[in-house]
Amino acid sequence: MITVGGRKYHTIVDAAAKFGVSAKTVRSYIVKGVIPAPPTVKFGVRIIRHFPPEYIARAKKMLDTYMRIGKNT
């Protein structure tokens, strides 16, 4: 979790822990389109991806479906 402008945001490491995979695997899922890109926050010139609980819940359902379908093919 990071704090930006006084607000706390979940990082890719937090999301990876919830999914039970590594941060590298989460990045791969995003690139491959298995889960959608997370929302971003602009802080100065930086753009930070963050993983709010709603996103994690939705992505986890998508990931569960992907894993279930992938194992049956």
PDB file of N, CA and C in Angstrom:
ATOM      1  N   MET A   1       0.849  -1.159   0.000  1.00  0.00           N
ATOM      2  CA  MET A   1       0.000   0.000   0.000  1.00  0.00           C
ATOM      3  C   MET A   1       0.902   1.232   0.000  1.00  0.00           C
ATOM      4  N   ILE A   2       0.495   2.229  -0.769  1.00  0.00           N
ATOM      5  CA  ILE A   2       1.232   3.483  -0.795  1.00  0.00           C
ATOM      6  C   ILE A   2       0.298   4.621  -0.401  1.00  0.00           C
ATOM      7  N   THR A   3       0.881   5.701   0.052  1.00  0.00           N
ATOM      8  CA  THR A   3       0.112   6.892   0.386  1.00  0.00           C
ATOM      9  C   THR A   3       0.510   7.994  -0.580  1.00  0.00           C
ATOM     10  N   VAL A   4      -0.483   8.558  -1.256  1.00  0.00           N
ATOM     11  CA  VAL A   4      -0.253   9.638  -2.213  1.00  0.00           C
ATOM     12  C   VAL A   4      -1.242  10.745  -1.897  1.00  0.00           C
ATOM     13  N   GLY A   5      -0.734  11.914  -1.638  1.00  0.00           N
ATOM     14  CA  GLY A   5      -1.616  13.042  -1.355  1.00  0.00           C
ATOM     15  C   GLY A   5      -2.512  12.798  -0.151  1.00  0.00           C
ATOM     16  N   GLY A   6      -2.032  12.044   0.814  1.00  0.00           N
ATOM     17  CA  GLY A   6      -2.810  11.765   2.015  1.00  0.00           C
ATOM     18  C   GLY A   6      -3.801  10.624   1.887  1.00  0.00           C
ATOM     19  N   ARG A   7      -3.908  10.023   0.700  1.00  0.00           N
ATOM     20  CA  ARG A   7      -4.812   8.885   0.495  1.00  0.00           C
ATOM     21  C   ARG A   7      -3.998   7.615   0.311  1.00  0.00           C
ATOM     22  N   LYS A   8      -4.553   6.511   0.759  1.00  0.00           N
ATOM     23  CA  LYS A   8      -3.863   5.220   0.642  1.00  0.00           C
ATOM     24  C   LYS A   8      -4.401   4.464  -0.574  1.00  0.00           C
ATOM     25  N   TYR A   9      -3.482   3.837  -1.281  1.00  0.00           N
ATOM     26  CA  TYR A   9      -3.825   3.079  -2.477  1.00  0.00           C
ATOM     27  C   TYR A   9      -3.177   1.699  -2.406  1.00  0.00           C
ATOM     28  N   HIS A  10      -3.920   0.691  -2.864  1.00  0.00           N
ATOM     29  CA  HIS A  10      -3.386  -0.669  -2.935  1.00  0.00           C
ATOM     30  C   HIS A  10      -2.512  -0.784  -4.178  1.00  0.00           C
ATOM     31  N   THR A  11      -1.385  -1.473  -4.039  1.00  0.00           N
ATOM     32  CA  THR A  11      -0.435  -1.642  -5.141  1.00  0.00           C
ATOM     33  C   THR A  11      -0.622  -2.997  -5.817  1.00  0.00           C
ATOM     34  N   ILE A  12       0.156  -3.206  -6.857  1.00  0.00           N
ATOM     35  CA  ILE A  12       0.113  -4.484  -7.569  1.00  0.00           C
ATOM     36  C   ILE A  12       0.536  -5.633  -6.655  1.00  0.00           C
ATOM     37  N   VAL A  13       1.409  -5.355  -5.708  1.00  0.00           N
ATOM     38  CA  VAL A  13       1.838  -6.384  -4.756  1.00  0.00           C
ATOM     39  C   VAL A  13       0.658  -6.810  -3.877  1.00  0.00           C
ATOM     40  N   ASP A  14      -0.170  -5.846  -3.475  1.00  0.00           N
ATOM     41  CA  ASP A  14      -1.363  -6.166  -2.690  1.00  0.00           C
ATOM     42  C   ASP A  14      -2.330  -7.028  -3.512  1.00  0.00           C
ATOM     43  N   ALA A  15      -2.512  -6.652  -4.782  1.00  0.00           N
ATOM     44  CA  ALA A  15      -3.402  -7.421  -5.662  1.00  0.00           C
ATOM     45  C   ALA A  15      -2.857  -8.836  -5.862  1.00  0.00           C
ATOM     46  N   ALA A  16      -1.564  -8.943  -6.084  1.00  0.00           N
ATOM     47  CA  ALA A  16      -0.944 -10.258  -6.289  1.00  0.00           C
ATOM     48  C   ALA A  16      -1.175 -11.157  -5.082  1.00  0.00           C
ATOM     49  N   ALA A  17      -1.056 -10.602  -3.896  1.00  0.00           N
ATOM     50  CA  ALA A  17      -1.282 -11.392  -2.681  1.00  0.00           C
ATOM     51  C   ALA A  17      -2.722 -11.890  -2.624  1.00  0.00           C
ATOM     52  N   LYS A  18      -3.673 -11.042  -3.015  1.00  0.00           N
ATOM     53  CA  LYS A  18      -5.085 -11.451  -3.023  1.00  0.00           C
ATOM     54  C   LYS A  18      -5.349 -12.546  -4.057  1.00  0.00           C
ATOM     55  N   PHE A  19      -4.656 -12.472  -5.198  1.00  0.00           N
ATOM     56  CA  PHE A  19      -4.838 -13.461  -6.258  1.00  0.00           C
ATOM     57  C   PHE A  19      -4.023 -14.731  -6.017  1.00  0.00           C
ATOM     58  N   GLY A  20      -3.043 -14.664  -5.135  1.00  0.00           N
ATOM     59  CA  GLY A  20      -2.199 -15.821  -4.862  1.00  0.00           C
ATOM     60  C   GLY A  20      -1.146 -16.066  -5.925  1.00  0.00           C
ATOM     61  N   VAL A  21      -0.718 -14.985  -6.609  1.00  0.00           N
ATOM     62  CA  VAL A  21       0.308 -15.082  -7.648  1.00  0.00           C
ATOM     63  C   VAL A  21       1.333 -13.967  -7.423  1.00  0.00           C
ATOM     64  N   SER A  22       2.332 -13.887  -8.280  1.00  0.00           N
ATOM     65  CA  SER A  22       3.332 -12.831  -8.170  1.00  0.00           C
ATOM     66  C   SER A  22       2.870 -11.563  -8.886  1.00  0.00           C
ATOM     67  N   ALA A  23       3.531 -10.455  -8.591  1.00  0.00           N
ATOM     68  CA  ALA A  23       3.223  -9.191  -9.273  1.00  0.00           C
ATOM     69  C   ALA A  23       3.497  -9.315 -10.773  1.00  0.00           C
ATOM     70  N   LYS A  24       4.529 -10.067 -11.130  1.00  0.00           N
ATOM     71  CA  LYS A  24       4.858 -10.284 -12.542  1.00  0.00           C
ATOM     72  C   LYS A  24       3.707 -11.004 -13.254  1.00  0.00           C
ATOM     73  N   THR A  25       3.097 -11.948 -12.576  1.00  0.00           N
ATOM     74  CA  THR A  25       1.971 -12.679 -13.159  1.00  0.00           C
ATOM     75  C   THR A  25       0.771 -11.756 -13.335  1.00  0.00           C
ATOM     76  N   VAL A  26       0.524 -10.886 -12.370  1.00  0.00           N
ATOM     77  CA  VAL A  26      -0.585  -9.922 -12.500  1.00  0.00           C
ATOM     78  C   VAL A  26      -0.345  -9.027 -13.714  1.00  0.00           C
ATOM     79  N   ARG A  27       0.882  -8.532 -13.864  1.00  0.00           N
ATOM     80  CA  ARG A  27       1.204  -7.708 -15.045  1.00  0.00           C
ATOM     81  C   ARG A  27       0.941  -8.479 -16.331  1.00  0.00           C
ATOM     82  N   SER A  28       1.306  -9.752 -16.347  1.00  0.00           N
ATOM     83  CA  SER A  28       1.089 -10.594 -17.523  1.00  0.00           C
ATOM     84  C   SER A  28      -0.400 -10.754 -17.814  1.00  0.00           C
ATOM     85  N   TYR A  29      -1.207 -10.973 -16.781  1.00  0.00           N
ATOM     86  CA  TYR A  29      -2.660 -11.085 -16.960  1.00  0.00           C
ATOM     87  C   TYR A  29      -3.238  -9.807 -17.561  1.00  0.00           C
ATOM     88  N   ILE A  30      -2.734  -8.657 -17.132  1.00  0.00           N
ATOM     89  CA  ILE A  30      -3.225  -7.378 -17.655  1.00  0.00           C
ATOM     90  C   ILE A  30      -2.837  -7.224 -19.124  1.00  0.00           C
ATOM     91  N   VAL A  31      -1.586  -7.516 -19.451  1.00  0.00           N
ATOM     92  CA  VAL A  31      -1.107  -7.395 -20.831  1.00  0.00           C
ATOM     93  C   VAL A  31      -1.872  -8.334 -21.757  1.00  0.00           C
ATOM     94  N   LYS A  32      -2.129  -9.557 -21.298  1.00  0.00           N
ATOM     95  CA  LYS A  32      -2.837 -10.550 -22.111  1.00  0.00           C
ATOM     96  C   LYS A  32      -4.344 -10.297 -22.181  1.00  0.00           C
ATOM     97  N   GLY A  33      -4.857  -9.388 -21.348  1.00  0.00           N
ATOM     98  CA  GLY A  33      -6.287  -9.093 -21.365  1.00  0.00           C
ATOM     99  C   GLY A  33      -7.120 -10.044 -20.533  1.00  0.00           C
ATOM    100  N   VAL A  34      -6.480 -10.843 -19.702  1.00  0.00           N
ATOM    101  CA  VAL A  34      -7.212 -11.766 -18.831  1.00  0.00           C
ATOM    102  C   VAL A  34      -8.011 -10.969 -17.799  1.00  0.00           C
ATOM    103  N   ILE A  35      -7.388  -9.921 -17.278  1.00  0.00           N
ATOM    104  CA  ILE A  35      -8.079  -8.988 -16.381  1.00  0.00           C
ATOM    105  C   ILE A  35      -7.869  -7.586 -16.944  1.00  0.00           C
ATOM    106  N   PRO A  36      -8.777  -6.662 -16.671  1.00  0.00           N
ATOM    107  CA  PRO A  36      -8.640  -5.311 -17.235  1.00  0.00           C
ATOM    108  C   PRO A  36      -7.521  -4.525 -16.551  1.00  0.00           C
ATOM    109  N   ALA A  37      -7.077  -3.488 -17.212  1.00  0.00           N
ATOM    110  CA  ALA A  37      -6.088  -2.595 -16.609  1.00  0.00           C
ATOM    111  C   ALA A  37      -6.743  -1.910 -15.408  1.00  0.00           C
ATOM    112  N   PRO A  38      -5.988  -1.738 -14.346  1.00  0.00           N
ATOM    113  CA  PRO A  38      -6.548  -1.103 -13.154  1.00  0.00           C
ATOM    114  C   PRO A  38      -6.694   0.409 -13.353  1.00  0.00           C
ATOM    115  N   PRO A  39      -7.485   1.043 -12.498  1.00  0.00           N
ATOM    116  CA  PRO A  39      -7.598   2.496 -12.589  1.00  0.00           C
ATOM    117  C   PRO A  39      -6.269   3.169 -12.238  1.00  0.00           C
ATOM    118  N   THR A  40      -6.132   4.405 -12.651  1.00  0.00           N
ATOM    119  CA  THR A  40      -4.907   5.147 -12.372  1.00  0.00           C
ATOM    120  C   THR A  40      -5.213   6.421 -11.599  1.00  0.00           C
ATOM    121  N   VAL A  41      -4.180   6.922 -10.949  1.00  0.00           N
ATOM    122  CA  VAL A  41      -4.247   8.176 -10.220  1.00  0.00           C
ATOM    123  C   VAL A  41      -3.078   9.015 -10.702  1.00  0.00           C
ATOM    124  N   LYS A  42      -3.349  10.268 -11.047  1.00  0.00           N
ATOM    125  CA  LYS A  42      -2.262  11.152 -11.457  1.00  0.00           C
ATOM    126  C   LYS A  42      -1.821  11.956 -10.246  1.00  0.00           C
ATOM    127  N   PHE A  43      -0.524  11.926  -9.991  1.00  0.00           N
ATOM    128  CA  PHE A  43       0.057  12.661  -8.880  1.00  0.00           C
ATOM    129  C   PHE A  43       1.260  13.402  -9.424  1.00  0.00           C
ATOM    130  N   GLY A  44       1.098  14.682  -9.717  1.00  0.00           N
ATOM    131  CA  GLY A  44       2.162  15.437 -10.377  1.00  0.00           C
ATOM    132  C   GLY A  44       2.341  14.907 -11.782  1.00  0.00           C
ATOM    133  N   VAL A  45       3.557  14.545 -12.125  1.00  0.00           N
ATOM    134  CA  VAL A  45       3.814  13.989 -13.456  1.00  0.00           C
ATOM    135  C   VAL A  45       3.711  12.469 -13.466  1.00  0.00           C
ATOM    136  N   ARG A  46       3.554  11.865 -12.293  1.00  0.00           N
ATOM    137  CA  ARG A  46       3.467  10.408 -12.200  1.00  0.00           C
ATOM    138  C   ARG A  46       2.033   9.938 -12.379  1.00  0.00           C
ATOM    139  N   ILE A  47       1.890   8.814 -13.038  1.00  0.00           N
ATOM    140  CA  ILE A  47       0.601   8.137 -13.146  1.00  0.00           C
ATOM    141  C   ILE A  47       0.765   6.802 -12.445  1.00  0.00           C
ATOM    142  N   ILE A  48      -0.053   6.590 -11.434  1.00  0.00           N
ATOM    143  CA  ILE A  48       0.086   5.412 -10.579  1.00  0.00           C
ATOM    144  C   ILE A  48      -1.117   4.501 -10.775  1.00  0.00           C
ATOM    145  N   ARG A  49      -0.851   3.223 -11.058  1.00  0.00           N
ATOM    146  CA  ARG A  49      -1.926   2.231 -11.102  1.00  0.00           C
ATOM    147  C   ARG A  49      -2.277   1.870  -9.667  1.00  0.00           C
ATOM    148  N   HIS A  50      -3.556   1.776  -9.397  1.00  0.00           N
ATOM    149  CA  HIS A  50      -3.936   1.318  -8.062  1.00  0.00           C
ATOM    150  C   HIS A  50      -5.011   0.254  -8.192  1.00  0.00           C
ATOM    151  N   PHE A  51      -5.127  -0.549  -7.171  1.00  0.00           N
ATOM    152  CA  PHE A  51      -5.968  -1.738  -7.203  1.00  0.00           C
ATOM    153  C   PHE A  51      -6.975  -1.692  -6.053  1.00  0.00           C
ATOM    154  N   PRO A  52      -8.064  -0.913  -6.233  1.00  0.00           N
ATOM    155  CA  PRO A  52      -9.054  -0.809  -5.155  1.00  0.00           C
ATOM    156  C   PRO A  52      -9.766  -2.141  -4.923  1.00  0.00           C
ATOM    157  N   PRO A  53     -10.360  -2.310  -3.745  1.00  0.00           N
ATOM    158  CA  PRO A  53     -11.034  -3.580  -3.427  1.00  0.00           C
ATOM    159  C   PRO A  53     -12.084  -3.993  -4.464  1.00  0.00           C
ATOM    160  N   GLU A  54     -12.815  -3.025  -5.026  1.00  0.00           N
ATOM    161  CA  GLU A  54     -13.838  -3.362  -6.041  1.00  0.00           C
ATOM    162  C   GLU A  54     -13.187  -3.953  -7.287  1.00  0.00           C
ATOM    163  N   TYR A  55     -12.070  -3.377  -7.696  1.00  0.00           N
ATOM    164  CA  TYR A  55     -11.342  -3.883  -8.856  1.00  0.00           C
ATOM    165  C   TYR A  55     -10.843  -5.295  -8.582  1.00  0.00           C
ATOM    166  N   ILE A  56     -10.256  -5.499  -7.419  1.00  0.00           N
ATOM    167  CA  ILE A  56      -9.714  -6.805  -7.071  1.00  0.00           C
ATOM    168  C   ILE A  56     -10.811  -7.863  -7.072  1.00  0.00           C
ATOM    169  N   ALA A  57     -11.976  -7.536  -6.523  1.00  0.00           N
ATOM    170  CA  ALA A  57     -13.085  -8.498  -6.496  1.00  0.00           C
ATOM    171  C   ALA A  57     -13.534  -8.854  -7.914  1.00  0.00           C
ATOM    172  N   ARG A  58     -13.680  -7.840  -8.773  1.00  0.00           N
ATOM    173  CA  ARG A  58     -14.119  -8.077 -10.155  1.00  0.00           C
ATOM    174  C   ARG A  58     -13.062  -8.865 -10.928  1.00  0.00           C
ATOM    175  N   ALA A  59     -11.807  -8.486 -10.773  1.00  0.00           N
ATOM    176  CA  ALA A  59     -10.717  -9.168 -11.482  1.00  0.00           C
ATOM    177  C   ALA A  59     -10.575 -10.609 -10.997  1.00  0.00           C
ATOM    178  N   LYS A  60     -10.785 -10.831  -9.704  1.00  0.00           N
ATOM    179  CA  LYS A  60     -10.682 -12.191  -9.162  1.00  0.00           C
ATOM    180  C   LYS A  60     -11.741 -13.105  -9.788  1.00  0.00           C
ATOM    181  N   LYS A  61     -12.962 -12.584  -9.965  1.00  0.00           N
ATOM    182  CA  LYS A  61     -14.014 -13.369 -10.635  1.00  0.00           C
ATOM    183  C   LYS A  61     -13.613 -13.688 -12.071  1.00  0.00           C
ATOM    184  N   MET A  62     -13.070 -12.695 -12.770  1.00  0.00           N
ATOM    185  CA  MET A  62     -12.640 -12.909 -14.152  1.00  0.00           C
ATOM    186  C   MET A  62     -11.512 -13.936 -14.213  1.00  0.00           C
ATOM    187  N   LEU A  63     -10.601 -13.838 -13.280  1.00  0.00           N
ATOM    188  CA  LEU A  63      -9.477 -14.761 -13.223  1.00  0.00           C
ATOM    189  C   LEU A  63      -9.944 -16.178 -12.911  1.00  0.00           C
ATOM    190  N   ASP A  64     -10.896 -16.317 -11.992  1.00  0.00           N
ATOM    191  CA  ASP A  64     -11.455 -17.637 -11.673  1.00  0.00           C
ATOM    192  C   ASP A  64     -12.103 -18.258 -12.900  1.00  0.00           C
ATOM    193  N   THR A  65     -12.849 -17.448 -13.654  1.00  0.00           N
ATOM    194  CA  THR A  65     -13.490 -17.935 -14.880  1.00  0.00           C
ATOM    195  C   THR A  65     -12.436 -18.349 -15.898  1.00  0.00           C
ATOM    196  N   TYR A  66     -11.416 -17.530 -16.061  1.00  0.00           N
ATOM    197  CA  TYR A  66     -10.334 -17.827 -16.999  1.00  0.00           C
ATOM    198  C   TYR A  66      -9.651 -19.143 -16.640  1.00  0.00           C
ATOM    199  N   MET A  67      -9.365 -19.340 -15.365  1.00  0.00           N
ATOM    200  CA  MET A  67      -8.694 -20.560 -14.925  1.00  0.00           C
ATOM    201  C   MET A  67      -9.590 -21.790 -15.124  1.00  0.00           C
ATOM    202  N   ARG A  68     -10.869 -21.627 -14.859  1.00  0.00           N
ATOM    203  CA  ARG A  68     -11.807 -22.748 -15.005  1.00  0.00           C
ATOM    204  C   ARG A  68     -11.924 -23.135 -16.486  1.00  0.00           C
ATOM    205  N   ILE A  69     -12.043 -22.148 -17.361  1.00  0.00           N
ATOM    206  CA  ILE A  69     -12.172 -22.419 -18.801  1.00  0.00           C
ATOM    207  C   ILE A  69     -10.852 -22.980 -19.352  1.00  0.00           C
ATOM    208  N   GLY A  70      -9.739 -22.408 -18.919  1.00  0.00           N
ATOM    209  CA  GLY A  70      -8.418 -22.839 -19.400  1.00  0.00           C
ATOM    210  C   GLY A  70      -8.111 -24.278 -19.052  1.00  0.00           C
ATOM    211  N   LYS A  71      -8.580 -24.733 -17.911  1.00  0.00           N
ATOM    212  CA  LYS A  71      -8.318 -26.121 -17.492  1.00  0.00           C
ATOM    213  C   LYS A  71      -9.195 -27.118 -18.216  1.00  0.00           C
ATOM    214  N   ASN A  72     -10.294 -26.648 -18.807  1.00  0.00           N
ATOM    215  CA  ASN A  72     -11.189 -27.560 -19.522  1.00  0.00           C
ATOM    216  C   ASN A  72     -10.876 -27.665 -21.001  1.00  0.00           C
ATOM    217  N   THR A  73      -9.917 -26.886 -21.491  1.00  0.00           N
ATOM    218  CA  THR A  73      -9.616 -26.953 -22.928  1.00  0.00           C
ATOM    219  C   THR A  73      -8.388 -27.764 -23.195  1.00  0.00           C
TER     220      THR A  73
END
